[in-house]
Amino acid sequence: MQTTEAPINSTASSPPFTAAKSINLPDHKQLPESDGTFVKNFQEHPQSIVLTSSIAPVLEKLHPDGRYCIGQDSGIYWRMMEPPEKGAEAPDWFYVPNVEPLLDGEYRRSYVMWKEFVAPLIAIEFVSGSGKEERDATPPSETEKAGKFWVYEQAIRIPFYAIFDAWKDSLELYDLVDNRYIKMRTNDRGHYHIPPMGVELGLKFENGVPWLRWWDDAGNLLLTGDERAEKLANYLRSMGINPDEI
């Protein structure tokens, strides 16, 4: 499949990571996969699936070589600390362009910045408490973790950071400008435009429940795999074809 867009290149400054030639730093197999916490509400898992399934066709066009990866509640290690979990953050959803989807034939157990060198283009957090954790800009100390906001902005330097609060029906998107997050404004459709991906991010309500969804630049909702299958089935039925008999 050919792409109609140029490869994604972040306009933000590159993360401050340098290759370690004489130090054998741990990789994704040697670092903890979890910090022992658990998903805090039942919507988080299906919400991640909706985001991944609906954006897949777009990413396949942007990356015809298949070089990209998506993390769902996966750790991003950015700093060596003891215990190792203190040097990691686990966005509920993130996308990294122009990296191999597999390492040595295996899926990553975590995303290790000193082994990868490519920052995610966007990270999304689903608020499950007051939202303080997702907006915490506290810098790190020798013994304590930094706040999520500080890590994404100052350490990993993720160009786009979204905070989705389903309890308050709210979505915030921040753009990294001159190494500082600037809160973005929505367009006329109430969506946030993400130019490097050629998509918009916004909320869609179903039975009164807000869901985080993608739209294309023209404002067309990007369908999940199940929605695409149902649309095809309805089309076949309109043509007098029973999709269950195919």
C-alpha atoms as a PDB file:
ATOM      1  CA  MET A   1       0.000   0.000   0.000  1.00  0.00           C
ATOM      2  CA  GLN A   2       1.373   3.368  -0.999  1.00  0.00           C
ATOM      3  CA  THR A   3       1.202   6.394   1.228  1.00  0.00           C
ATOM      4  CA  THR A   4       0.064   9.820   0.122  1.00  0.00           C
ATOM      5  CA  GLU A   5       1.837  11.560   2.995  1.00  0.00           C
ATOM      6  CA  ALA A   6       5.458  12.082   3.890  1.00  0.00           C
ATOM      7  CA  PRO A   7       6.951  10.155   6.834  1.00  0.00           C
ATOM      8  CA  ILE A   8       6.115  11.699  10.173  1.00  0.00           C
ATOM      9  CA  ASN A   9       8.848  13.905  11.589  1.00  0.00           C
ATOM     10  CA  SER A  10       8.247  15.568  14.940  1.00  0.00           C
ATOM     11  CA  THR A  11       8.809  19.322  15.045  1.00  0.00           C
ATOM     12  CA  ALA A  12       9.641  19.137  18.742  1.00  0.00           C
ATOM     13  CA  SER A  13      13.197  18.960  20.023  1.00  0.00           C
ATOM     14  CA  SER A  14      14.729  15.501  20.158  1.00  0.00           C
ATOM     15  CA  PRO A  15      14.726  13.787  23.562  1.00  0.00           C
ATOM     16  CA  PRO A  16      17.959  14.224  25.566  1.00  0.00           C
ATOM     17  CA  PHE A  17      19.168  10.644  25.162  1.00  0.00           C
ATOM     18  CA  THR A  18      22.591   9.590  23.965  1.00  0.00           C
ATOM     19  CA  ALA A  19      23.819   6.132  23.116  1.00  0.00           C
ATOM     20  CA  ALA A  20      25.684   4.382  25.906  1.00  0.00           C
ATOM     21  CA  LYS A  21      28.658   2.628  24.323  1.00  0.00           C
ATOM     22  CA  SER A  22      30.498   1.439  27.432  1.00  0.00           C
ATOM     23  CA  ILE A  23      27.560   0.840  29.804  1.00  0.00           C
ATOM     24  CA  ASN A  24      25.307  -2.181  29.421  1.00  0.00           C
ATOM     25  CA  LEU A  25      21.930  -0.671  30.241  1.00  0.00           C
ATOM     26  CA  PRO A  26      18.882  -2.938  30.739  1.00  0.00           C
ATOM     27  CA  ASP A  27      16.445  -3.459  27.872  1.00  0.00           C
ATOM     28  CA  HIS A  28      12.702  -4.164  27.677  1.00  0.00           C
ATOM     29  CA  LYS A  29      13.183  -7.793  28.740  1.00  0.00           C
ATOM     30  CA  GLN A  30      15.172  -6.910  31.861  1.00  0.00           C
ATOM     31  CA  LEU A  31      12.872  -4.195  33.230  1.00  0.00           C
ATOM     32  CA  PRO A  32       9.572  -4.768  35.110  1.00  0.00           C
ATOM     33  CA  GLU A  33       6.526  -4.955  32.869  1.00  0.00           C
ATOM     34  CA  SER A  34       4.217  -3.565  35.556  1.00  0.00           C
ATOM     35  CA  ASP A  35       4.375  -1.477  38.709  1.00  0.00           C
ATOM     36  CA  GLY A  36       1.701  -3.588  40.340  1.00  0.00           C
ATOM     37  CA  THR A  37      -1.161  -1.152  39.753  1.00  0.00           C
ATOM     38  CA  PHE A  38      -4.399  -2.156  38.090  1.00  0.00           C
ATOM     39  CA  VAL A  39      -6.876  -0.684  35.636  1.00  0.00           C
ATOM     40  CA  LYS A  40      -9.153   1.592  37.626  1.00  0.00           C
ATOM     41  CA  ASN A  41     -12.385   1.397  35.647  1.00  0.00           C
ATOM     42  CA  PHE A  42     -14.012  -0.920  33.139  1.00  0.00           C
ATOM     43  CA  GLN A  43     -14.005   1.637  30.299  1.00  0.00           C
ATOM     44  CA  GLU A  44     -10.210   1.929  30.041  1.00  0.00           C
ATOM     45  CA  HIS A  45      -9.579  -1.361  28.241  1.00  0.00           C
ATOM     46  CA  PRO A  46     -12.358  -1.059  25.610  1.00  0.00           C
ATOM     47  CA  GLN A  47     -11.463   2.617  25.126  1.00  0.00           C
ATOM     48  CA  SER A  48      -7.889   1.668  24.215  1.00  0.00           C
ATOM     49  CA  ILE A  49      -9.166  -0.961  21.782  1.00  0.00           C
ATOM     50  CA  VAL A  50     -11.443   1.605  20.104  1.00  0.00           C
ATOM     51  CA  LEU A  51      -8.525   4.015  19.628  1.00  0.00           C
ATOM     52  CA  THR A  52      -6.205   1.349  18.242  1.00  0.00           C
ATOM     53  CA  SER A  53      -8.713  -0.366  15.955  1.00  0.00           C
ATOM     54  CA  SER A  54     -10.001   2.843  14.381  1.00  0.00           C
ATOM     55  CA  ILE A  55      -6.587   4.448  13.765  1.00  0.00           C
ATOM     56  CA  ALA A  56      -5.039   1.305  12.240  1.00  0.00           C
ATOM     57  CA  PRO A  57      -5.994   2.039   8.582  1.00  0.00           C
ATOM     58  CA  VAL A  58      -4.556   5.563   8.876  1.00  0.00           C
ATOM     59  CA  LEU A  59      -1.276   4.328  10.325  1.00  0.00           C
ATOM     60  CA  GLU A  60      -1.003   1.632   7.665  1.00  0.00           C
ATOM     61  CA  LYS A  61      -1.142   4.381   5.020  1.00  0.00           C
ATOM     62  CA  LEU A  62       1.338   6.572   6.884  1.00  0.00           C
ATOM     63  CA  HIS A  63       3.693   3.627   7.393  1.00  0.00           C
ATOM     64  CA  PRO A  64       3.489   1.285   4.391  1.00  0.00           C
ATOM     65  CA  ASP A  65       6.665  -0.331   5.687  1.00  0.00           C
ATOM     66  CA  GLY A  66       4.874  -1.193   8.943  1.00  0.00           C
ATOM     67  CA  ARG A  67       7.357   0.719  11.082  1.00  0.00           C
ATOM     68  CA  TYR A  68       5.327   2.021  14.010  1.00  0.00           C
ATOM     69  CA  CYS A  69       4.120   0.773  17.355  1.00  0.00           C
ATOM     70  CA  ILE A  70       1.255   1.423  19.749  1.00  0.00           C
ATOM     71  CA  GLY A  71       1.439   1.043  23.507  1.00  0.00           C
ATOM     72  CA  GLN A  72      -1.621   0.463  25.694  1.00  0.00           C
ATOM     73  CA  ASP A  73      -0.980   0.928  29.417  1.00  0.00           C
ATOM     74  CA  SER A  74       2.661   0.069  28.668  1.00  0.00           C
ATOM     75  CA  GLY A  75       5.680   1.437  30.490  1.00  0.00           C
ATOM     76  CA  ILE A  76       8.001   4.028  28.956  1.00  0.00           C
ATOM     77  CA  TYR A  77      11.350   3.942  30.746  1.00  0.00           C
ATOM     78  CA  TRP A  78      13.088   7.311  30.597  1.00  0.00           C
ATOM     79  CA  ARG A  79      15.382   7.355  33.652  1.00  0.00           C
ATOM     80  CA  MET A  80      17.444   4.806  35.591  1.00  0.00           C
ATOM     81  CA  MET A  81      16.224   4.653  39.198  1.00  0.00           C
ATOM     82  CA  GLU A  82      15.841   2.139  42.001  1.00  0.00           C
ATOM     83  CA  PRO A  83      13.424   0.521  41.930  1.00  0.00           C
ATOM     84  CA  PRO A  84      13.261   0.733  38.121  1.00  0.00           C
ATOM     85  CA  GLU A  85       9.528   1.489  38.134  1.00  0.00           C
ATOM     86  CA  LYS A  86      10.270   4.955  39.538  1.00  0.00           C
ATOM     87  CA  GLY A  87      11.966   5.829  36.260  1.00  0.00           C
ATOM     88  CA  ALA A  88       8.975   4.904  34.115  1.00  0.00           C
ATOM     89  CA  GLU A  89       5.535   6.179  33.152  1.00  0.00           C
ATOM     90  CA  ALA A  90       2.780   4.105  31.578  1.00  0.00           C
ATOM     91  CA  PRO A  91       0.440   6.146  29.363  1.00  0.00           C
ATOM     92  CA  ASP A  92      -2.930   4.529  28.819  1.00  0.00           C
ATOM     93  CA  TRP A  93      -2.315   4.839  25.065  1.00  0.00           C
ATOM     94  CA  PHE A  94       0.603   6.061  22.954  1.00  0.00           C
ATOM     95  CA  TYR A  95       1.846   5.891  19.381  1.00  0.00           C
ATOM     96  CA  VAL A  96       5.460   5.892  18.180  1.00  0.00           C
ATOM     97  CA  PRO A  97       6.174   6.498  14.471  1.00  0.00           C
ATOM     98  CA  ASN A  98       9.064   5.099  12.467  1.00  0.00           C
ATOM     99  CA  VAL A  99      10.191   2.294  14.777  1.00  0.00           C
ATOM    100  CA  GLU A 100      10.149  -1.466  14.277  1.00  0.00           C
ATOM    101  CA  PRO A 101       6.985  -3.072  15.664  1.00  0.00           C
ATOM    102  CA  LEU A 102       9.003  -6.026  16.966  1.00  0.00           C
ATOM    103  CA  LEU A 103      12.401  -6.384  18.645  1.00  0.00           C
ATOM    104  CA  ASP A 104      14.228  -9.591  17.764  1.00  0.00           C
ATOM    105  CA  GLY A 105      10.929 -11.057  16.611  1.00  0.00           C
ATOM    106  CA  GLU A 106       9.105 -10.279  19.876  1.00  0.00           C
ATOM    107  CA  TYR A 107       6.675  -7.598  20.975  1.00  0.00           C
ATOM    108  CA  ARG A 108       8.113  -5.054  23.373  1.00  0.00           C
ATOM    109  CA  ARG A 109       7.409  -5.630  27.037  1.00  0.00           C
ATOM    110  CA  SER A 110       8.045  -1.928  27.612  1.00  0.00           C
ATOM    111  CA  TYR A 111       9.386   1.040  25.667  1.00  0.00           C
ATOM    112  CA  VAL A 112      12.927   1.863  26.790  1.00  0.00           C
ATOM    113  CA  MET A 113      14.112   5.308  25.706  1.00  0.00           C
ATOM    114  CA  TRP A 114      17.823   4.611  26.030  1.00  0.00           C
ATOM    115  CA  LYS A 115      17.387   1.680  23.643  1.00  0.00           C
ATOM    116  CA  GLU A 116      14.890   3.244  21.232  1.00  0.00           C
ATOM    117  CA  PHE A 117      15.797   6.965  20.952  1.00  0.00           C
ATOM    118  CA  VAL A 118      12.482   7.836  19.230  1.00  0.00           C
ATOM    119  CA  ALA A 119       9.850   9.575  21.368  1.00  0.00           C
ATOM    120  CA  PRO A 120       6.137   8.786  21.030  1.00  0.00           C
ATOM    121  CA  LEU A 121       4.254  11.308  18.895  1.00  0.00           C
ATOM    122  CA  ILE A 122       1.223  11.306  21.177  1.00  0.00           C
ATOM    123  CA  ALA A 123       0.396  10.004  24.647  1.00  0.00           C
ATOM    124  CA  ILE A 124      -3.134   9.756  26.053  1.00  0.00           C
ATOM    125  CA  GLU A 125      -4.102   9.439  29.703  1.00  0.00           C
ATOM    126  CA  PHE A 126      -7.559   8.388  30.916  1.00  0.00           C
ATOM    127  CA  VAL A 127      -8.362  10.166  34.181  1.00  0.00           C
ATOM    128  CA  SER A 128      -9.576   7.798  36.875  1.00  0.00           C
ATOM    129  CA  GLY A 129      -9.268  10.109  39.891  1.00  0.00           C
ATOM    130  CA  SER A 130      -9.263  13.866  40.310  1.00  0.00           C
ATOM    131  CA  GLY A 131      -6.977  14.487  37.312  1.00  0.00           C
ATOM    132  CA  LYS A 132      -4.183  15.782  39.542  1.00  0.00           C
ATOM    133  CA  GLU A 133      -1.876  12.893  38.661  1.00  0.00           C
ATOM    134  CA  GLU A 134      -2.207  13.512  34.916  1.00  0.00           C
ATOM    135  CA  ARG A 135      -1.446  17.233  35.340  1.00  0.00           C
ATOM    136  CA  ASP A 136       1.379  16.861  37.866  1.00  0.00           C
ATOM    137  CA  ALA A 137       4.328  18.996  36.671  1.00  0.00           C
ATOM    138  CA  THR A 138       6.562  18.253  39.677  1.00  0.00           C
ATOM    139  CA  PRO A 139      10.220  17.777  38.631  1.00  0.00           C
ATOM    140  CA  PRO A 140      12.095  14.681  39.828  1.00  0.00           C
ATOM    141  CA  SER A 141      14.341  14.361  42.857  1.00  0.00           C
ATOM    142  CA  GLU A 142      17.097  11.852  43.586  1.00  0.00           C
ATOM    143  CA  THR A 143      14.610   9.478  45.215  1.00  0.00           C
ATOM    144  CA  GLU A 144      11.127  10.441  44.007  1.00  0.00           C
ATOM    145  CA  LYS A 145       9.332  10.154  40.700  1.00  0.00           C
ATOM    146  CA  ALA A 146       8.536  13.225  38.644  1.00  0.00           C
ATOM    147  CA  GLY A 147       4.945  14.104  37.784  1.00  0.00           C
ATOM    148  CA  LYS A 148       3.465  12.680  34.588  1.00  0.00           C
ATOM    149  CA  PHE A 149       3.049  16.093  32.975  1.00  0.00           C
ATOM    150  CA  TRP A 150       6.697  16.981  33.670  1.00  0.00           C
ATOM    151  CA  VAL A 151       7.967  13.663  32.320  1.00  0.00           C
ATOM    152  CA  TYR A 152       6.022  13.875  29.059  1.00  0.00           C
ATOM    153  CA  GLU A 153       6.897  17.550  28.567  1.00  0.00           C
ATOM    154  CA  GLN A 154      10.474  17.854  29.814  1.00  0.00           C
ATOM    155  CA  ALA A 155      12.013  14.374  29.763  1.00  0.00           C
ATOM    156  CA  ILE A 156      10.459  12.355  26.940  1.00  0.00           C
ATOM    157  CA  ARG A 157       9.222  15.468  25.101  1.00  0.00           C
ATOM    158  CA  ILE A 158       6.125  13.942  23.551  1.00  0.00           C
ATOM    159  CA  PRO A 159       4.765  16.398  20.946  1.00  0.00           C
ATOM    160  CA  PHE A 160       1.081  15.832  21.811  1.00  0.00           C
ATOM    161  CA  TYR A 161      -0.384  14.934  25.201  1.00  0.00           C
ATOM    162  CA  ALA A 162      -4.113  14.288  25.703  1.00  0.00           C
ATOM    163  CA  ILE A 163      -5.995  14.038  28.997  1.00  0.00           C
ATOM    164  CA  PHE A 164      -9.426  12.395  28.762  1.00  0.00           C
ATOM    165  CA  ASP A 165     -11.760  12.658  31.759  1.00  0.00           C
ATOM    166  CA  ALA A 166     -14.846  10.544  31.104  1.00  0.00           C
ATOM    167  CA  TRP A 167     -16.338  11.500  34.468  1.00  0.00           C
ATOM    168  CA  LYS A 168     -16.389  15.173  33.473  1.00  0.00           C
ATOM    169  CA  ASP A 169     -17.006  14.658  29.729  1.00  0.00           C
ATOM    170  CA  SER A 170     -13.814  16.587  29.018  1.00  0.00           C
ATOM    171  CA  LEU A 171     -10.781  16.293  26.783  1.00  0.00           C
ATOM    172  CA  GLU A 172      -7.638  18.431  26.830  1.00  0.00           C
ATOM    173  CA  LEU A 173      -4.854  18.280  24.261  1.00  0.00           C
ATOM    174  CA  TYR A 174      -1.451  19.880  24.715  1.00  0.00           C
ATOM    175  CA  ASP A 175       1.044  20.728  21.986  1.00  0.00           C
ATOM    176  CA  LEU A 176       4.780  20.881  22.738  1.00  0.00           C
ATOM    177  CA  VAL A 177       5.974  24.334  21.649  1.00  0.00           C
ATOM    178  CA  ASP A 178       9.502  25.498  22.520  1.00  0.00           C
ATOM    179  CA  ASN A 179       9.764  22.665  25.065  1.00  0.00           C
ATOM    180  CA  ARG A 180       6.566  23.706  26.863  1.00  0.00           C
ATOM    181  CA  TYR A 181       3.069  22.272  26.625  1.00  0.00           C
ATOM    182  CA  ILE A 182       0.515  24.734  25.288  1.00  0.00           C
ATOM    183  CA  LYS A 183      -3.157  23.857  25.678  1.00  0.00           C
ATOM    184  CA  MET A 184      -4.710  23.585  22.228  1.00  0.00           C
ATOM    185  CA  ARG A 185      -8.041  24.927  21.057  1.00  0.00           C
ATOM    186  CA  THR A 186     -10.643  22.835  19.292  1.00  0.00           C
ATOM    187  CA  ASN A 187     -11.742  23.475  15.710  1.00  0.00           C
ATOM    188  CA  ASP A 188     -15.274  24.263  14.537  1.00  0.00           C
ATOM    189  CA  ARG A 189     -16.241  20.611  14.973  1.00  0.00           C
ATOM    190  CA  GLY A 190     -15.091  20.605  18.586  1.00  0.00           C
ATOM    191  CA  HIS A 191     -12.122  18.386  17.719  1.00  0.00           C
ATOM    192  CA  TYR A 192      -8.380  18.755  18.151  1.00  0.00           C
ATOM    193  CA  HIS A 193      -6.401  18.637  14.920  1.00  0.00           C
ATOM    194  CA  ILE A 194      -3.184  16.588  14.942  1.00  0.00           C
ATOM    195  CA  PRO A 195      -1.419  17.532  11.681  1.00  0.00           C
ATOM    196  CA  PRO A 196       1.395  14.912  11.686  1.00  0.00           C
ATOM    197  CA  MET A 197      -1.199  12.137  11.779  1.00  0.00           C
ATOM    198  CA  GLY A 198      -3.741  13.861   9.538  1.00  0.00           C
ATOM    199  CA  VAL A 199      -6.520  13.196  12.038  1.00  0.00           C
ATOM    200  CA  GLU A 200      -8.666  14.895  14.658  1.00  0.00           C
ATOM    201  CA  LEU A 201      -9.296  13.753  18.208  1.00  0.00           C
ATOM    202  CA  GLY A 202     -12.555  14.404  20.025  1.00  0.00           C
ATOM    203  CA  LEU A 203     -15.448  12.996  22.027  1.00  0.00           C
ATOM    204  CA  LYS A 204     -18.402  10.989  20.729  1.00  0.00           C
ATOM    205  CA  PHE A 205     -21.294  10.235  23.049  1.00  0.00           C
ATOM    206  CA  GLU A 206     -23.037   6.861  22.965  1.00  0.00           C
ATOM    207  CA  ASN A 207     -25.985   6.351  25.316  1.00  0.00           C
ATOM    208  CA  GLY A 208     -24.770   9.310  27.306  1.00  0.00           C
ATOM    209  CA  VAL A 209     -21.252   7.895  27.709  1.00  0.00           C
ATOM    210  CA  PRO A 210     -18.304   9.827  26.196  1.00  0.00           C
ATOM    211  CA  TRP A 211     -15.820   7.913  24.081  1.00  0.00           C
ATOM    212  CA  LEU A 212     -12.538   9.213  22.756  1.00  0.00           C
ATOM    213  CA  ARG A 213     -12.579   8.878  18.966  1.00  0.00           C
ATOM    214  CA  TRP A 214     -10.597   9.775  15.855  1.00  0.00           C
ATOM    215  CA  TRP A 215     -11.904  11.658  12.809  1.00  0.00           C
ATOM    216  CA  ASP A 216     -10.157  12.386   9.526  1.00  0.00           C
ATOM    217  CA  ASP A 217      -9.317  15.923   8.375  1.00  0.00           C
ATOM    218  CA  ALA A 218     -12.712  16.211   6.697  1.00  0.00           C
ATOM    219  CA  GLY A 219     -14.573  15.373   9.888  1.00  0.00           C
ATOM    220  CA  ASN A 220     -15.467  11.777   9.010  1.00  0.00           C
ATOM    221  CA  LEU A 221     -15.502   9.407  11.970  1.00  0.00           C
ATOM    222  CA  LEU A 222     -12.831   6.698  11.749  1.00  0.00           C
ATOM    223  CA  LEU A 223     -14.588   3.399  12.305  1.00  0.00           C
ATOM    224  CA  THR A 224     -13.397   0.514  14.435  1.00  0.00           C
ATOM    225  CA  GLY A 225     -12.907  -2.913  12.904  1.00  0.00           C
ATOM    226  CA  ASP A 226     -16.329  -4.038  14.146  1.00  0.00           C
ATOM    227  CA  GLU A 227     -17.977  -0.888  12.791  1.00  0.00           C
ATOM    228  CA  ARG A 228     -16.314  -1.376   9.405  1.00  0.00           C
ATOM    229  CA  ALA A 229     -17.491  -4.985   9.312  1.00  0.00           C
ATOM    230  CA  GLU A 230     -21.049  -3.979  10.179  1.00  0.00           C
ATOM    231  CA  LYS A 231     -21.033  -1.279   7.510  1.00  0.00           C
ATOM    232  CA  LEU A 232     -19.899  -3.826   4.925  1.00  0.00           C
ATOM    233  CA  ALA A 233     -22.532  -6.315   6.067  1.00  0.00           C
ATOM    234  CA  ASN A 234     -25.277  -3.698   5.720  1.00  0.00           C
ATOM    235  CA  TYR A 235     -24.032  -2.827   2.233  1.00  0.00           C
ATOM    236  CA  LEU A 236     -24.103  -6.467   1.178  1.00  0.00           C
ATOM    237  CA  ARG A 237     -27.631  -6.836   2.521  1.00  0.00           C
ATOM    238  CA  SER A 238     -28.691  -3.777   0.507  1.00  0.00           C
ATOM    239  CA  MET A 239     -27.379  -5.597  -2.560  1.00  0.00           C
ATOM    240  CA  GLY A 240     -29.430  -8.669  -1.719  1.00  0.00           C
ATOM    241  CA  ILE A 241     -26.444 -10.631  -0.434  1.00  0.00           C
ATOM    242  CA  ASN A 242     -26.553 -12.393   2.919  1.00  0.00           C
ATOM    243  CA  PRO A 243     -23.126 -11.744   4.533  1.00  0.00           C
ATOM    244  CA  ASP A 244     -23.619 -14.781   6.785  1.00  0.00           C
ATOM    245  CA  GLU A 245     -23.536 -17.029   3.720  1.00  0.00           C
ATOM    246  CA  ILE A 246     -20.272 -15.702   2.327  1.00  0.00           C
END
